Amino acid sequence: GDSLSISGNKKFAFNGEIADYFIVLCNIGKELGFVVIEKDNQGISIGKPINTVGLRGNKSVPVSFYSCNVPKTNLIGLPENTHKIINSIQESSWLGISAISTGVMESALSQAVKYSNERKQFSKPISSFEAIQSKLANISTDIEISLAMLEKVSRLKDQDEDILRQSAMTKISTTEMAQRNTKQALLVHGGYGYIKDYPIEKTVRDAETLKSICDSNDDLRLIVSKPFIN
């Protein structure tokens, strides 16, 4: 016929609460394909936003599809190209998460610098102490490493190169640096870092979440190590 019937569930639909359209990967006969489904389709049921540890502005929701009738004109691309599209989406999403992770580190550094220059002990700012300076230097160094990785791999993406492994490496590195460095920035704040009045606690929670979304880092390590396996 001229239409498809789509059924299934998606537990985490990023920005699903505010989306007008859903792009769904589904089985079409013996092939995989992407289908655009409008939010007002009668077969869609959208749940309440999920209360996550970090990235709460994302508004992730569970979405269920019950025999959604969709015209075949809503198919994106040809089924035989689906795996190429999936790889391209993964590359872009991993680079996107890497960019967010870098921004999270920049925010953490800015907060740590501000606090350490304002907070005084023994009549001088704690930024004058070597232990604090070491933390700030480490965060700053990792930011530059992240930016360099992002620039290199993004350039290859623009040149239409296959960057699945490189983008996986970048996501692993930047998200784990973000997790490590936001915690260092929190330590600069001392006990105040655990108080919600200071935004660093939110920054730490966001960094913690980045490792697990758009494929976990453990899964990505399997992609990175694949060429080394006989």
N, C-alpha and C. Protein backbone atom coordinates (compact mmCIF):
# COMPACT_ATOMS: atom_id res chain seq x y z
N GLY A 1 0.81 -1.20 0.00
CA GLY A 1 0.00 0.00 0.00
C GLY A 1 0.85 1.26 0.00
N ASP A 2 0.19 2.37 0.22
CA ASP A 2 0.87 3.67 0.22
C ASP A 2 1.24 4.14 1.62
N SER A 3 1.00 3.31 2.64
CA SER A 3 1.28 3.73 4.01
C SER A 3 1.95 2.62 4.79
N LEU A 4 2.53 3.00 5.93
CA LEU A 4 3.19 2.07 6.83
C LEU A 4 2.48 2.10 8.18
N SER A 5 2.53 0.99 8.91
CA SER A 5 1.99 0.94 10.27
C SER A 5 3.15 0.72 11.22
N ILE A 6 3.41 1.71 12.08
CA ILE A 6 4.57 1.70 12.96
C ILE A 6 4.14 1.46 14.41
N SER A 7 4.75 0.46 15.05
CA SER A 7 4.50 0.19 16.46
C SER A 7 5.82 -0.04 17.18
N GLY A 8 5.91 0.39 18.42
CA GLY A 8 7.13 0.19 19.20
C GLY A 8 7.26 1.22 20.30
N ASN A 9 8.37 1.16 21.03
CA ASN A 9 8.60 2.06 22.16
C ASN A 9 10.01 2.62 22.13
N LYS A 10 10.15 3.85 22.59
CA LYS A 10 11.45 4.49 22.78
C LYS A 10 11.46 5.05 24.19
N LYS A 11 12.38 4.52 25.02
CA LYS A 11 12.36 4.91 26.43
C LYS A 11 12.86 6.34 26.64
N PHE A 12 13.92 6.73 25.92
CA PHE A 12 14.48 8.08 26.06
C PHE A 12 14.43 8.77 24.70
N ALA A 13 13.50 9.67 24.53
CA ALA A 13 13.44 10.49 23.32
C ALA A 13 13.91 11.89 23.70
N PHE A 14 15.14 12.24 23.29
CA PHE A 14 15.70 13.53 23.66
C PHE A 14 14.85 14.66 23.09
N ASN A 15 14.54 15.64 23.94
CA ASN A 15 13.71 16.78 23.56
C ASN A 15 12.33 16.36 23.07
N GLY A 16 11.91 15.15 23.45
CA GLY A 16 10.63 14.64 22.99
C GLY A 16 9.44 15.45 23.45
N GLU A 17 9.58 16.13 24.59
CA GLU A 17 8.47 16.92 25.12
C GLU A 17 8.15 18.12 24.23
N ILE A 18 9.15 18.65 23.54
CA ILE A 18 8.94 19.86 22.74
C ILE A 18 9.01 19.59 21.25
N ALA A 19 9.27 18.34 20.85
CA ALA A 19 9.42 18.02 19.43
C ALA A 19 8.08 18.06 18.71
N ASP A 20 8.10 18.51 17.46
CA ASP A 20 6.91 18.45 16.60
C ASP A 20 6.93 17.22 15.70
N TYR A 21 8.13 16.67 15.49
CA TYR A 21 8.28 15.48 14.65
C TYR A 21 9.24 14.50 15.32
N PHE A 22 9.05 13.22 15.05
CA PHE A 22 9.96 12.18 15.51
C PHE A 22 10.52 11.45 14.29
N ILE A 23 11.84 11.30 14.25
CA ILE A 23 12.47 10.50 13.20
C ILE A 23 12.77 9.14 13.81
N VAL A 24 12.10 8.12 13.31
CA VAL A 24 12.10 6.80 13.94
C VAL A 24 12.80 5.79 13.04
N LEU A 25 13.74 5.04 13.62
CA LEU A 25 14.38 3.93 12.92
C LEU A 25 13.53 2.68 13.17
N CYS A 26 13.07 2.05 12.10
CA CYS A 26 12.17 0.92 12.26
C CYS A 26 12.40 -0.13 11.18
N ASN A 27 11.83 -1.30 11.40
CA ASN A 27 11.89 -2.37 10.42
C ASN A 27 10.85 -2.13 9.33
N ILE A 28 11.30 -2.17 8.09
CA ILE A 28 10.40 -2.05 6.95
C ILE A 28 10.61 -3.29 6.09
N GLY A 29 9.76 -4.27 6.29
CA GLY A 29 10.00 -5.55 5.65
C GLY A 29 11.26 -6.18 6.21
N LYS A 30 12.20 -6.50 5.34
CA LYS A 30 13.47 -7.09 5.77
C LYS A 30 14.57 -6.04 5.89
N GLU A 31 14.21 -4.78 5.69
CA GLU A 31 15.18 -3.69 5.73
C GLU A 31 14.93 -2.79 6.94
N LEU A 32 15.93 -1.94 7.23
CA LEU A 32 15.77 -0.87 8.20
C LEU A 32 15.55 0.44 7.46
N GLY A 33 14.77 1.33 8.06
CA GLY A 33 14.55 2.62 7.42
C GLY A 33 14.16 3.68 8.44
N PHE A 34 14.38 4.95 8.08
CA PHE A 34 13.98 6.08 8.93
C PHE A 34 12.66 6.64 8.42
N VAL A 35 11.75 6.87 9.36
CA VAL A 35 10.43 7.40 9.02
C VAL A 35 10.15 8.63 9.88
N VAL A 36 9.60 9.67 9.26
CA VAL A 36 9.19 10.87 9.99
C VAL A 36 7.74 10.70 10.44
N ILE A 37 7.51 10.85 11.75
CA ILE A 37 6.16 10.73 12.30
C ILE A 37 5.81 12.03 13.02
N GLU A 38 4.68 12.64 12.64
CA GLU A 38 4.25 13.88 13.27
C GLU A 38 3.80 13.63 14.71
N LYS A 39 4.03 14.62 15.55
CA LYS A 39 3.68 14.49 16.97
C LYS A 39 2.18 14.29 17.17
N ASP A 40 1.36 14.87 16.29
CA ASP A 40 -0.09 14.78 16.47
C ASP A 40 -0.68 13.51 15.86
N ASN A 41 0.17 12.57 15.44
CA ASN A 41 -0.33 11.29 14.95
C ASN A 41 -1.12 10.60 16.07
N GLN A 42 -2.29 10.10 15.75
CA GLN A 42 -3.18 9.53 16.77
C GLN A 42 -2.59 8.31 17.47
N GLY A 43 -1.60 7.66 16.87
CA GLY A 43 -1.02 6.47 17.47
C GLY A 43 0.13 6.74 18.43
N ILE A 44 0.49 8.01 18.63
CA ILE A 44 1.62 8.35 19.50
C ILE A 44 1.14 8.63 20.92
N SER A 45 1.87 8.08 21.89
CA SER A 45 1.63 8.37 23.30
C SER A 45 2.94 8.84 23.92
N ILE A 46 2.94 10.05 24.48
CA ILE A 46 4.16 10.64 25.05
C ILE A 46 4.03 10.69 26.57
N GLY A 47 5.01 10.11 27.26
CA GLY A 47 4.99 10.06 28.71
C GLY A 47 5.51 11.34 29.36
N LYS A 48 5.61 11.31 30.68
CA LYS A 48 6.10 12.46 31.43
C LYS A 48 7.63 12.57 31.30
N PRO A 49 8.17 13.80 31.38
CA PRO A 49 9.63 13.96 31.32
C PRO A 49 10.34 13.13 32.37
N ILE A 50 11.46 12.54 31.99
CA ILE A 50 12.23 11.69 32.89
C ILE A 50 13.12 12.57 33.76
N ASN A 51 13.11 12.31 35.06
CA ASN A 51 13.90 13.10 36.01
C ASN A 51 15.33 12.56 36.05
N THR A 52 16.20 13.12 35.25
CA THR A 52 17.57 12.64 35.12
C THR A 52 18.50 13.34 36.11
N VAL A 53 19.69 12.77 36.31
CA VAL A 53 20.69 13.37 37.20
C VAL A 53 21.17 14.70 36.64
N GLY A 54 21.50 14.73 35.36
CA GLY A 54 21.99 15.94 34.72
C GLY A 54 21.29 16.20 33.40
N LEU A 55 21.65 17.28 32.74
CA LEU A 55 21.05 17.67 31.46
C LEU A 55 19.53 17.70 31.55
N ARG A 56 19.03 18.28 32.61
CA ARG A 56 17.58 18.27 32.84
C ARG A 56 16.81 19.14 31.87
N GLY A 57 17.49 20.08 31.23
CA GLY A 57 16.82 20.90 30.23
C GLY A 57 16.51 20.14 28.96
N ASN A 58 17.02 18.92 28.85
CA ASN A 58 16.83 18.10 27.66
C ASN A 58 15.39 17.66 27.48
N LYS A 59 14.67 17.48 28.58
CA LYS A 59 13.27 17.06 28.54
C LYS A 59 13.08 15.74 27.81
N SER A 60 13.85 14.73 28.22
CA SER A 60 13.69 13.40 27.64
C SER A 60 12.38 12.78 28.13
N VAL A 61 11.70 12.09 27.21
CA VAL A 61 10.42 11.46 27.55
C VAL A 61 10.35 10.07 26.92
N PRO A 62 9.56 9.17 27.51
CA PRO A 62 9.27 7.90 26.83
C PRO A 62 8.19 8.12 25.78
N VAL A 63 8.36 7.49 24.64
CA VAL A 63 7.39 7.62 23.54
C VAL A 63 6.97 6.23 23.08
N SER A 64 5.68 6.03 22.91
CA SER A 64 5.15 4.76 22.42
C SER A 64 4.39 5.00 21.12
N PHE A 65 4.55 4.09 20.20
CA PHE A 65 3.88 4.16 18.90
C PHE A 65 2.93 2.96 18.78
N TYR A 66 1.65 3.25 18.61
CA TYR A 66 0.64 2.20 18.52
C TYR A 66 0.00 2.24 17.13
N SER A 67 0.47 1.38 16.24
CA SER A 67 -0.10 1.28 14.88
C SER A 67 -0.25 2.65 14.24
N CYS A 68 0.84 3.43 14.27
CA CYS A 68 0.84 4.76 13.65
C CYS A 68 0.81 4.60 12.12
N ASN A 69 -0.22 5.11 11.50
CA ASN A 69 -0.29 5.08 10.04
C ASN A 69 0.50 6.25 9.48
N VAL A 70 1.50 5.93 8.67
CA VAL A 70 2.41 6.94 8.13
C VAL A 70 2.53 6.74 6.62
N PRO A 71 2.38 7.79 5.82
CA PRO A 71 2.55 7.62 4.37
C PRO A 71 3.99 7.27 4.02
N LYS A 72 4.16 6.47 2.98
CA LYS A 72 5.51 6.06 2.58
C LYS A 72 6.37 7.23 2.12
N THR A 73 5.72 8.34 1.80
CA THR A 73 6.48 9.54 1.43
C THR A 73 7.26 10.10 2.61
N ASN A 74 6.95 9.63 3.84
CA ASN A 74 7.67 10.08 5.03
C ASN A 74 8.97 9.32 5.25
N LEU A 75 9.27 8.36 4.38
CA LEU A 75 10.55 7.65 4.47
C LEU A 75 11.69 8.58 4.13
N ILE A 76 12.80 8.48 4.87
CA ILE A 76 13.99 9.29 4.61
C ILE A 76 15.03 8.41 3.91
N GLY A 77 15.38 8.76 2.70
CA GLY A 77 16.41 8.01 1.98
C GLY A 77 15.93 6.63 1.56
N LEU A 78 16.83 5.89 0.95
CA LEU A 78 16.54 4.53 0.51
C LEU A 78 16.96 3.55 1.59
N PRO A 79 16.21 2.45 1.77
CA PRO A 79 16.56 1.48 2.82
C PRO A 79 17.98 0.96 2.72
N GLU A 80 18.49 0.81 1.49
CA GLU A 80 19.85 0.28 1.34
C GLU A 80 20.92 1.26 1.83
N ASN A 81 20.53 2.53 2.04
CA ASN A 81 21.48 3.53 2.54
C ASN A 81 21.34 3.77 4.04
N THR A 82 20.46 3.02 4.69
CA THR A 82 20.15 3.28 6.10
C THR A 82 21.37 3.17 7.00
N HIS A 83 22.19 2.13 6.80
CA HIS A 83 23.35 1.94 7.68
C HIS A 83 24.35 3.09 7.52
N LYS A 84 24.48 3.61 6.31
CA LYS A 84 25.36 4.76 6.09
C LYS A 84 24.81 5.98 6.83
N ILE A 85 23.49 6.15 6.80
CA ILE A 85 22.86 7.26 7.51
C ILE A 85 23.06 7.11 9.02
N ILE A 86 22.90 5.86 9.52
CA ILE A 86 23.09 5.61 10.95
C ILE A 86 24.50 6.00 11.38
N ASN A 87 25.50 5.59 10.59
CA ASN A 87 26.88 5.93 10.93
C ASN A 87 27.09 7.44 10.95
N SER A 88 26.51 8.13 9.98
CA SER A 88 26.66 9.59 9.92
C SER A 88 26.01 10.25 11.12
N ILE A 89 24.83 9.75 11.52
CA ILE A 89 24.15 10.30 12.70
C ILE A 89 24.98 10.06 13.95
N GLN A 90 25.53 8.86 14.08
CA GLN A 90 26.36 8.55 15.25
C GLN A 90 27.58 9.46 15.31
N GLU A 91 28.25 9.63 14.18
CA GLU A 91 29.42 10.50 14.15
C GLU A 91 29.06 11.91 14.61
N SER A 92 27.98 12.44 14.06
CA SER A 92 27.57 13.81 14.40
C SER A 92 27.15 13.93 15.87
N SER A 93 26.42 12.92 16.36
CA SER A 93 25.97 12.99 17.76
C SER A 93 27.14 12.89 18.72
N TRP A 94 28.12 12.04 18.41
CA TRP A 94 29.28 11.92 19.30
C TRP A 94 30.10 13.20 19.31
N LEU A 95 30.23 13.83 18.14
CA LEU A 95 30.94 15.11 18.10
C LEU A 95 30.14 16.19 18.84
N GLY A 96 28.82 16.13 18.72
CA GLY A 96 27.98 17.09 19.43
C GLY A 96 28.13 16.96 20.94
N ILE A 97 28.13 15.72 21.43
CA ILE A 97 28.33 15.48 22.86
C ILE A 97 29.72 15.95 23.28
N SER A 98 30.71 15.76 22.41
CA SER A 98 32.07 16.21 22.70
C SER A 98 32.13 17.73 22.82
N ALA A 99 31.41 18.42 21.95
CA ALA A 99 31.37 19.88 22.02
C ALA A 99 30.70 20.34 23.31
N ILE A 100 29.61 19.67 23.69
CA ILE A 100 28.94 20.01 24.95
C ILE A 100 29.89 19.77 26.13
N SER A 101 30.60 18.65 26.09
CA SER A 101 31.54 18.32 27.17
C SER A 101 32.62 19.38 27.31
N THR A 102 33.09 19.87 26.17
CA THR A 102 34.11 20.93 26.19
C THR A 102 33.53 22.20 26.80
N GLY A 103 32.30 22.54 26.42
CA GLY A 103 31.64 23.70 26.99
C GLY A 103 31.42 23.56 28.49
N VAL A 104 31.11 22.36 28.93
CA VAL A 104 30.93 22.09 30.36
C VAL A 104 32.24 22.33 31.10
N MET A 105 33.36 21.89 30.51
CA MET A 105 34.66 22.13 31.14
C MET A 105 34.99 23.61 31.19
N GLU A 106 34.66 24.34 30.12
CA GLU A 106 34.92 25.78 30.11
C GLU A 106 34.11 26.48 31.20
N SER A 107 32.87 26.04 31.37
CA SER A 107 32.04 26.61 32.44
C SER A 107 32.62 26.29 33.81
N ALA A 108 33.07 25.05 33.99
CA ALA A 108 33.66 24.65 35.27
C ALA A 108 34.90 25.47 35.58
N LEU A 109 35.74 25.69 34.58
CA LEU A 109 36.95 26.49 34.78
C LEU A 109 36.60 27.92 35.15
N SER A 110 35.64 28.50 34.44
CA SER A 110 35.23 29.87 34.72
C SER A 110 34.72 30.01 36.15
N GLN A 111 33.91 29.05 36.59
CA GLN A 111 33.39 29.08 37.96
C GLN A 111 34.50 28.92 38.99
N ALA A 112 35.44 28.01 38.70
CA ALA A 112 36.53 27.76 39.65
C ALA A 112 37.46 28.97 39.75
N VAL A 113 37.74 29.62 38.63
CA VAL A 113 38.59 30.81 38.63
C VAL A 113 37.91 31.93 39.42
N LYS A 114 36.64 32.15 39.16
CA LYS A 114 35.90 33.21 39.85
C LYS A 114 35.89 32.97 41.36
N TYR A 115 35.56 31.74 41.75
CA TYR A 115 35.47 31.44 43.17
C TYR A 115 36.84 31.56 43.85
N SER A 116 37.87 31.03 43.20
CA SER A 116 39.20 31.01 43.83
C SER A 116 39.79 32.41 43.95
N ASN A 117 39.36 33.33 43.11
CA ASN A 117 39.83 34.71 43.23
C ASN A 117 39.05 35.50 44.28
N GLU A 118 37.82 35.05 44.55
CA GLU A 118 36.99 35.75 45.54
C GLU A 118 37.16 35.19 46.95
N ARG A 119 37.36 33.90 47.03
CA ARG A 119 37.47 33.22 48.32
C ARG A 119 38.85 33.47 48.93
N LYS A 120 38.88 33.92 50.17
CA LYS A 120 40.16 34.22 50.82
C LYS A 120 40.40 33.33 52.03
N GLN A 121 41.63 32.93 52.17
CA GLN A 121 42.10 32.23 53.37
C GLN A 121 43.46 32.81 53.75
N PHE A 122 43.66 33.00 55.02
CA PHE A 122 44.90 33.61 55.50
C PHE A 122 45.15 34.96 54.83
N SER A 123 44.03 35.68 54.62
CA SER A 123 44.07 37.06 54.10
C SER A 123 44.51 37.15 52.64
N LYS A 124 44.42 36.07 51.89
CA LYS A 124 44.73 36.14 50.46
C LYS A 124 43.86 35.16 49.69
N PRO A 125 43.61 35.47 48.40
CA PRO A 125 42.75 34.59 47.59
C PRO A 125 43.34 33.18 47.51
N ILE A 126 42.46 32.17 47.52
CA ILE A 126 42.97 30.80 47.45
C ILE A 126 43.60 30.50 46.09
N SER A 127 43.36 31.37 45.10
CA SER A 127 44.00 31.18 43.79
C SER A 127 45.52 31.35 43.89
N SER A 128 46.00 31.91 44.98
CA SER A 128 47.45 32.08 45.16
C SER A 128 48.12 30.81 45.67
N PHE A 129 47.30 29.81 46.03
CA PHE A 129 47.86 28.56 46.55
C PHE A 129 48.19 27.61 45.40
N GLU A 130 49.32 26.94 45.52
CA GLU A 130 49.80 26.07 44.45
C GLU A 130 48.81 24.93 44.14
N ALA A 131 48.17 24.38 45.14
CA ALA A 131 47.24 23.27 44.93
C ALA A 131 46.06 23.70 44.05
N ILE A 132 45.58 24.92 44.27
CA ILE A 132 44.47 25.45 43.46
C ILE A 132 44.96 25.74 42.05
N GLN A 133 46.13 26.34 41.94
CA GLN A 133 46.68 26.66 40.62
C GLN A 133 46.87 25.40 39.78
N SER A 134 47.28 24.32 40.43
CA SER A 134 47.48 23.05 39.72
C SER A 134 46.17 22.54 39.14
N LYS A 135 45.10 22.63 39.91
CA LYS A 135 43.78 22.19 39.42
C LYS A 135 43.33 23.04 38.24
N LEU A 136 43.48 24.34 38.34
CA LEU A 136 43.08 25.23 37.25
C LEU A 136 43.90 24.97 35.99
N ALA A 137 45.18 24.72 36.17
CA ALA A 137 46.05 24.44 35.02
C ALA A 137 45.64 23.14 34.33
N ASN A 138 45.32 22.12 35.11
CA ASN A 138 44.93 20.84 34.53
C ASN A 138 43.62 20.95 33.75
N ILE A 139 42.66 21.68 34.30
CA ILE A 139 41.39 21.86 33.60
C ILE A 139 41.62 22.61 32.29
N SER A 140 42.40 23.67 32.34
CA SER A 140 42.68 24.47 31.15
C SER A 140 43.38 23.65 30.08
N THR A 141 44.31 22.81 30.49
CA THR A 141 45.04 21.96 29.54
C THR A 141 44.10 20.98 28.85
N ASP A 142 43.22 20.36 29.61
CA ASP A 142 42.28 19.39 29.02
C ASP A 142 41.29 20.07 28.07
N ILE A 143 40.93 21.30 28.35
CA ILE A 143 40.06 22.04 27.43
C ILE A 143 40.74 22.19 26.08
N GLU A 144 42.03 22.55 26.09
CA GLU A 144 42.76 22.72 24.83
C GLU A 144 42.88 21.40 24.07
N ILE A 145 43.09 20.30 24.81
CA ILE A 145 43.15 18.98 24.17
C ILE A 145 41.81 18.65 23.52
N SER A 146 40.73 18.92 24.21
CA SER A 146 39.39 18.66 23.68
C SER A 146 39.13 19.47 22.42
N LEU A 147 39.48 20.75 22.47
CA LEU A 147 39.28 21.61 21.30
C LEU A 147 40.08 21.13 20.10
N ALA A 148 41.30 20.68 20.34
CA ALA A 148 42.15 20.19 19.25
C ALA A 148 41.55 18.93 18.62
N MET A 149 41.08 18.01 19.46
CA MET A 149 40.46 16.79 18.94
C MET A 149 39.21 17.12 18.14
N LEU A 150 38.38 18.00 18.69
CA LEU A 150 37.15 18.38 18.01
C LEU A 150 37.43 19.02 16.65
N GLU A 151 38.41 19.92 16.62
CA GLU A 151 38.73 20.61 15.37
C GLU A 151 39.21 19.62 14.31
N LYS A 152 40.08 18.70 14.70
CA LYS A 152 40.62 17.74 13.74
C LYS A 152 39.54 16.82 13.18
N VAL A 153 38.75 16.23 14.06
CA VAL A 153 37.76 15.24 13.61
C VAL A 153 36.60 15.93 12.88
N SER A 154 36.23 17.13 13.30
CA SER A 154 35.17 17.87 12.61
C SER A 154 35.60 18.24 11.20
N ARG A 155 36.87 18.57 11.03
CA ARG A 155 37.38 18.87 9.69
C ARG A 155 37.28 17.65 8.78
N LEU A 156 37.62 16.49 9.33
CA LEU A 156 37.50 15.25 8.55
C LEU A 156 36.04 14.97 8.20
N LYS A 157 35.14 15.26 9.13
CA LYS A 157 33.70 15.08 8.87
C LYS A 157 33.26 15.98 7.73
N ASP A 158 33.71 17.23 7.72
CA ASP A 158 33.37 18.16 6.65
C ASP A 158 33.88 17.68 5.29
N GLN A 159 34.97 16.92 5.32
CA GLN A 159 35.54 16.38 4.08
C GLN A 159 34.92 15.04 3.69
N ASP A 160 33.85 14.67 4.40
CA ASP A 160 33.10 13.44 4.11
C ASP A 160 33.94 12.19 4.30
N GLU A 161 34.87 12.25 5.27
CA GLU A 161 35.68 11.07 5.59
C GLU A 161 34.90 10.16 6.55
N ASP A 162 35.29 8.89 6.59
CA ASP A 162 34.73 7.95 7.55
C ASP A 162 35.41 8.18 8.90
N ILE A 163 34.67 8.73 9.85
CA ILE A 163 35.29 9.11 11.13
C ILE A 163 34.62 8.40 12.31
N LEU A 164 34.04 7.23 12.07
CA LEU A 164 33.32 6.54 13.14
C LEU A 164 34.23 6.30 14.34
N ARG A 165 35.44 5.75 14.10
CA ARG A 165 36.36 5.48 15.21
C ARG A 165 36.86 6.77 15.84
N GLN A 166 37.24 7.75 15.00
CA GLN A 166 37.78 9.00 15.54
C GLN A 166 36.74 9.75 16.37
N SER A 167 35.48 9.75 15.91
CA SER A 167 34.44 10.44 16.68
C SER A 167 34.14 9.70 17.97
N ALA A 168 34.24 8.36 17.94
CA ALA A 168 34.07 7.58 19.18
C ALA A 168 35.18 7.91 20.17
N MET A 169 36.43 7.97 19.69
CA MET A 169 37.56 8.34 20.55
C MET A 169 37.35 9.72 21.16
N THR A 170 36.87 10.65 20.34
CA THR A 170 36.67 12.02 20.81
C THR A 170 35.60 12.08 21.89
N LYS A 171 34.52 11.33 21.69
CA LYS A 171 33.45 11.32 22.69
C LYS A 171 33.93 10.71 24.00
N ILE A 172 34.67 9.60 23.90
CA ILE A 172 35.21 8.96 25.10
C ILE A 172 36.10 9.94 25.87
N SER A 173 37.04 10.54 25.15
CA SER A 173 38.04 11.41 25.79
C SER A 173 37.42 12.65 26.41
N THR A 174 36.60 13.34 25.64
CA THR A 174 36.06 14.62 26.12
C THR A 174 35.08 14.45 27.26
N THR A 175 34.25 13.41 27.21
CA THR A 175 33.28 13.22 28.29
C THR A 175 33.97 12.80 29.58
N GLU A 176 35.01 11.99 29.47
CA GLU A 176 35.71 11.57 30.68
C GLU A 176 36.58 12.69 31.24
N MET A 177 37.11 13.54 30.36
CA MET A 177 37.82 14.73 30.84
C MET A 177 36.84 15.68 31.53
N ALA A 178 35.64 15.80 30.97
CA ALA A 178 34.63 16.68 31.58
C ALA A 178 34.24 16.17 32.96
N GLN A 179 34.07 14.86 33.09
CA GLN A 179 33.73 14.30 34.39
C GLN A 179 34.84 14.57 35.41
N ARG A 180 36.07 14.33 35.00
CA ARG A 180 37.21 14.51 35.91
C ARG A 180 37.39 15.98 36.29
N ASN A 181 37.30 16.86 35.32
CA ASN A 181 37.63 18.26 35.57
C ASN A 181 36.52 19.02 36.28
N THR A 182 35.27 18.64 36.06
CA THR A 182 34.20 19.29 36.83
C THR A 182 34.32 18.94 38.31
N LYS A 183 34.76 17.73 38.59
CA LYS A 183 34.96 17.34 40.00
C LYS A 183 36.14 18.09 40.60
N GLN A 184 37.17 18.36 39.79
CA GLN A 184 38.28 19.17 40.27
C GLN A 184 37.83 20.60 40.55
N ALA A 185 36.98 21.12 39.67
CA ALA A 185 36.45 22.47 39.89
C ALA A 185 35.58 22.52 41.14
N LEU A 186 34.85 21.43 41.40
CA LEU A 186 34.05 21.36 42.62
C LEU A 186 34.96 21.38 43.85
N LEU A 187 36.08 20.66 43.78
CA LEU A 187 37.01 20.64 44.91
C LEU A 187 37.61 22.01 45.18
N VAL A 188 37.76 22.82 44.14
CA VAL A 188 38.23 24.20 44.33
C VAL A 188 37.24 24.96 45.22
N HIS A 189 35.96 24.64 45.08
CA HIS A 189 34.93 25.31 45.88
C HIS A 189 34.86 24.78 47.31
N GLY A 190 35.55 23.68 47.58
CA GLY A 190 35.48 23.09 48.91
C GLY A 190 34.07 22.60 49.21
N GLY A 191 33.66 22.73 50.45
CA GLY A 191 32.33 22.28 50.86
C GLY A 191 31.20 23.03 50.18
N TYR A 192 31.47 24.28 49.76
CA TYR A 192 30.43 25.07 49.10
C TYR A 192 30.04 24.47 47.74
N GLY A 193 30.93 23.66 47.17
CA GLY A 193 30.63 23.06 45.88
C GLY A 193 29.45 22.10 45.92
N TYR A 194 29.11 21.63 47.12
CA TYR A 194 28.01 20.68 47.28
C TYR A 194 26.69 21.36 47.59
N ILE A 195 26.71 22.68 47.63
CA ILE A 195 25.50 23.45 47.92
C ILE A 195 24.86 23.89 46.61
N LYS A 196 23.54 23.72 46.49
CA LYS A 196 22.87 24.05 45.24
C LYS A 196 22.91 25.53 44.90
N ASP A 197 23.24 26.37 45.86
CA ASP A 197 23.36 27.80 45.58
C ASP A 197 24.51 28.08 44.61
N TYR A 198 25.44 27.16 44.52
CA TYR A 198 26.58 27.32 43.61
C TYR A 198 26.36 26.43 42.38
N PRO A 199 26.43 27.02 41.18
CA PRO A 199 26.10 26.26 39.96
C PRO A 199 27.06 25.12 39.63
N ILE A 200 28.19 25.04 40.32
CA ILE A 200 29.15 23.99 40.00
C ILE A 200 28.55 22.60 40.23
N GLU A 201 27.63 22.47 41.19
CA GLU A 201 27.04 21.14 41.45
C GLU A 201 26.22 20.68 40.24
N LYS A 202 25.56 21.62 39.56
CA LYS A 202 24.82 21.28 38.33
C LYS A 202 25.79 20.89 37.22
N THR A 203 26.90 21.61 37.13
CA THR A 203 27.90 21.32 36.10
C THR A 203 28.45 19.91 36.27
N VAL A 204 28.68 19.51 37.52
CA VAL A 204 29.17 18.15 37.80
C VAL A 204 28.13 17.12 37.37
N ARG A 205 26.86 17.38 37.66
CA ARG A 205 25.80 16.43 37.29
C ARG A 205 25.67 16.30 35.78
N ASP A 206 25.79 17.42 35.08
CA ASP A 206 25.72 17.38 33.62
C ASP A 206 26.86 16.55 33.04
N ALA A 207 28.06 16.75 33.56
CA ALA A 207 29.22 16.00 33.07
C ALA A 207 29.06 14.51 33.32
N GLU A 208 28.47 14.17 34.45
CA GLU A 208 28.27 12.75 34.78
C GLU A 208 27.33 12.08 33.77
N THR A 209 26.36 12.82 33.29
CA THR A 209 25.37 12.27 32.36
C THR A 209 25.94 12.09 30.96
N LEU A 210 26.85 12.95 30.56
CA LEU A 210 27.35 12.96 29.17
C LEU A 210 28.02 11.65 28.77
N LYS A 211 28.61 10.95 29.73
CA LYS A 211 29.30 9.69 29.40
C LYS A 211 28.36 8.62 28.90
N SER A 212 27.11 8.69 29.32
CA SER A 212 26.19 7.58 29.09
C SER A 212 25.21 7.80 27.95
N ILE A 213 25.06 9.03 27.47
CA ILE A 213 24.07 9.26 26.41
C ILE A 213 24.71 9.14 25.03
N CYS A 214 23.86 8.91 24.05
CA CYS A 214 24.33 8.69 22.66
C CYS A 214 25.39 7.60 22.62
N ASP A 215 25.09 6.48 23.22
CA ASP A 215 25.96 5.30 23.35
C ASP A 215 26.94 5.50 24.51
N SER A 216 27.05 4.49 25.34
CA SER A 216 27.95 4.56 26.49
C SER A 216 29.40 4.47 26.03
N ASN A 217 30.29 5.00 26.85
CA ASN A 217 31.71 4.96 26.49
C ASN A 217 32.24 3.53 26.41
N ASP A 218 31.69 2.62 27.21
CA ASP A 218 32.12 1.22 27.12
C ASP A 218 31.78 0.64 25.76
N ASP A 219 30.60 0.98 25.23
CA ASP A 219 30.23 0.51 23.89
C ASP A 219 31.16 1.10 22.83
N LEU A 220 31.51 2.37 23.00
CA LEU A 220 32.36 3.03 22.01
C LEU A 220 33.77 2.45 22.01
N ARG A 221 34.22 1.99 23.14
CA ARG A 221 35.56 1.36 23.20
C ARG A 221 35.61 0.10 22.34
N LEU A 222 34.50 -0.58 22.19
CA LEU A 222 34.46 -1.76 21.32
C LEU A 222 34.67 -1.36 19.86
N ILE A 223 34.14 -0.20 19.48
CA ILE A 223 34.34 0.30 18.11
C ILE A 223 35.80 0.70 17.91
N VAL A 224 36.36 1.40 18.89
CA VAL A 224 37.75 1.86 18.78
C VAL A 224 38.72 0.69 18.69
N SER A 225 38.45 -0.37 19.44
CA SER A 225 39.39 -1.50 19.50
C SER A 225 39.20 -2.51 18.37
N LYS A 226 38.17 -2.35 17.56
CA LYS A 226 37.84 -3.35 16.54
C LYS A 226 38.99 -3.68 15.59
N PRO A 227 39.77 -2.69 15.10
CA PRO A 227 40.86 -3.02 14.17
C PRO A 227 41.97 -3.87 14.79
N PHE A 228 42.01 -3.91 16.13
CA PHE A 228 43.08 -4.65 16.79
C PHE A 228 42.73 -6.11 17.05
N ILE A 229 41.49 -6.49 16.72
CA ILE A 229 41.02 -7.85 17.01
C ILE A 229 41.12 -8.71 15.75
N ASN A 230 41.76 -9.86 15.86
CA ASN A 230 41.87 -10.78 14.73
C ASN A 230 40.53 -11.48 14.50
